[in-house]
Protein backbone atom coordinates (compact mmCIF):
# COMPACT_ATOMS: atom_id res chain seq x y z
CA MET A 1 -15.87 29.92 62.90
CA GLU A 2 -17.71 29.12 59.72
CA HIS A 3 -16.16 29.50 56.24
CA ALA A 4 -18.09 30.33 53.14
CA PRO A 5 -17.73 27.72 50.37
CA ARG A 6 -15.14 28.64 47.75
CA HIS A 7 -16.29 28.36 44.18
CA ALA A 8 -14.05 28.13 41.16
CA TYR A 9 -14.99 31.63 40.07
CA ASP A 10 -13.81 33.08 43.40
CA LEU A 11 -10.22 32.59 42.27
CA TYR A 12 -10.68 35.13 39.50
CA GLU A 13 -11.97 38.15 41.43
CA GLY A 14 -9.60 40.54 39.66
CA ALA A 15 -10.24 39.13 36.18
CA GLU A 16 -12.10 41.05 33.51
CA PRO A 17 -15.70 39.93 32.94
CA LEU A 18 -16.32 37.92 29.79
CA SER A 19 -17.63 39.72 26.76
CA PRO A 20 -20.86 38.40 25.17
CA ASN A 21 -18.83 36.83 22.33
CA ASP A 22 -16.71 34.88 24.81
CA ARG A 23 -19.81 33.36 26.37
CA ASP A 24 -21.08 31.81 23.17
CA PRO A 25 -20.90 28.01 23.63
CA LEU A 26 -20.60 27.51 19.86
CA THR A 27 -17.21 29.23 19.79
CA ALA A 28 -15.74 27.47 22.81
CA GLY A 29 -12.31 26.03 22.09
CA LEU A 30 -11.79 27.57 18.65
CA PRO A 31 -10.15 30.88 17.82
CA THR A 32 -12.51 33.32 16.13
CA ALA A 33 -10.49 33.32 12.90
CA TRP A 34 -11.04 29.55 12.49
CA TRP A 35 -14.85 29.68 12.32
CA SER A 36 -14.83 30.60 8.65
CA LEU A 37 -12.70 27.49 8.05
CA VAL A 38 -15.18 25.35 9.97
CA TRP A 39 -18.02 26.65 7.79
CA SER A 40 -15.95 26.13 4.65
CA PHE A 41 -15.15 22.56 5.65
CA ALA A 42 -18.80 21.84 6.50
CA GLY A 43 -19.86 23.26 3.13
CA LEU A 44 -17.23 21.17 1.36
CA VAL A 45 -18.37 17.96 3.07
CA PHE A 46 -22.03 18.76 2.35
CA SER A 47 -21.18 19.47 -1.30
CA ALA A 48 -19.25 16.21 -1.62
CA LEU A 49 -22.15 14.22 -0.17
CA TRP A 50 -24.61 16.03 -2.45
CA MET A 51 -22.59 15.37 -5.61
CA MET A 52 -21.87 11.73 -4.62
CA GLN A 53 -25.60 11.17 -4.28
CA SER A 54 -26.13 12.87 -7.66
CA TRP A 55 -23.46 10.75 -9.32
CA LYS A 56 -24.99 7.58 -7.89
CA ALA A 57 -28.48 8.58 -9.07
CA SER A 58 -27.24 9.38 -12.59
CA LYS A 59 -25.26 6.15 -13.03
CA PRO A 60 -27.73 4.50 -15.42
CA LEU A 61 -27.88 7.61 -17.62
CA LEU A 62 -25.62 8.02 -20.65
CA GLY A 63 -23.97 10.88 -22.51
CA ILE A 64 -25.46 14.33 -22.54
CA THR A 65 -28.36 13.25 -20.33
CA LYS A 66 -25.93 12.40 -17.53
CA ILE A 67 -24.13 15.74 -17.90
CA ASN A 68 -27.46 17.58 -17.86
CA HIS A 69 -28.51 15.71 -14.74
CA LEU A 70 -25.25 16.53 -12.94
CA ALA A 71 -25.42 20.20 -14.01
CA GLN A 72 -28.95 20.50 -12.60
CA ASP A 73 -27.78 18.95 -9.33
CA ALA A 74 -24.78 21.30 -9.17
CA TRP A 75 -27.17 24.25 -9.63
CA GLY A 76 -29.41 22.86 -6.87
CA LEU A 77 -26.36 22.56 -4.62
CA LEU A 78 -25.41 26.18 -5.24
CA VAL A 79 -28.94 27.38 -4.47
CA THR A 80 -29.01 25.27 -1.29
CA LEU A 81 -25.68 26.62 -0.06
CA CYS A 82 -26.83 30.20 -0.72
CA CYS A 83 -30.10 29.60 1.13
CA CYS A 84 -28.29 28.08 4.11
CA TYR A 85 -25.88 31.01 4.20
CA ALA A 86 -28.75 33.51 4.04
CA VAL A 87 -30.66 31.75 6.85
CA PHE A 88 -27.58 31.73 9.06
CA GLN A 89 -26.70 35.37 8.36
CA PHE A 90 -30.29 36.44 9.06
CA TRP A 91 -30.45 34.65 12.41
CA LYS A 92 -26.84 35.20 13.52
CA PRO A 93 -27.41 38.65 15.13
CA ARG A 94 -30.59 37.46 16.81
CA SER A 95 -29.48 34.06 18.10
CA GLY A 96 -26.31 32.33 16.91
CA SER A 97 -27.33 28.88 18.10
CA LEU A 98 -30.79 29.15 16.55
CA GLY A 99 -29.18 30.32 13.30
CA LEU A 100 -26.91 27.30 13.29
CA ALA A 101 -29.80 24.96 14.02
CA LEU A 102 -32.01 26.45 11.28
CA CYS A 103 -29.12 26.41 8.80
CA SER A 104 -28.50 22.73 9.54
CA LEU A 105 -32.22 21.99 9.28
CA THR A 106 -32.40 23.78 5.92
CA ALA A 107 -29.43 21.77 4.63
CA ALA A 108 -30.88 18.48 5.87
CA ALA A 109 -34.29 19.21 4.31
CA ALA A 110 -32.69 20.16 1.00
CA MET A 111 -30.59 16.99 1.00
CA ALA A 112 -33.67 14.85 1.71
CA TRP A 113 -35.77 16.64 -0.94
CA HIS A 114 -32.93 16.62 -3.49
CA ARG A 115 -33.66 13.21 -5.01
CA LEU A 116 -37.30 12.53 -4.25
């Protein structure tokens, strides 16, 4: 008498099939409501790194020139964050993982180009 091999998914024959949102590997382990916090935290860390680099680059400047330099960098940061958000929102319905990758690539390119 030969037995068929039992797989882990055989134990869940009566379970409901997963919805497409549950299969997304990017959301594994986190509740859906927390993803906005993850994006907020990532944006905050990116902003802090951007402004630290700006502060370091403007160290030799004095007075109003330094303030002008930091204001321009803050404006560049705002434009970068808006562009990253737009790229992600555009690609999110098509492919969530590709949207995340392109958003990260946009942010990395902007950070590299920021002080050339």
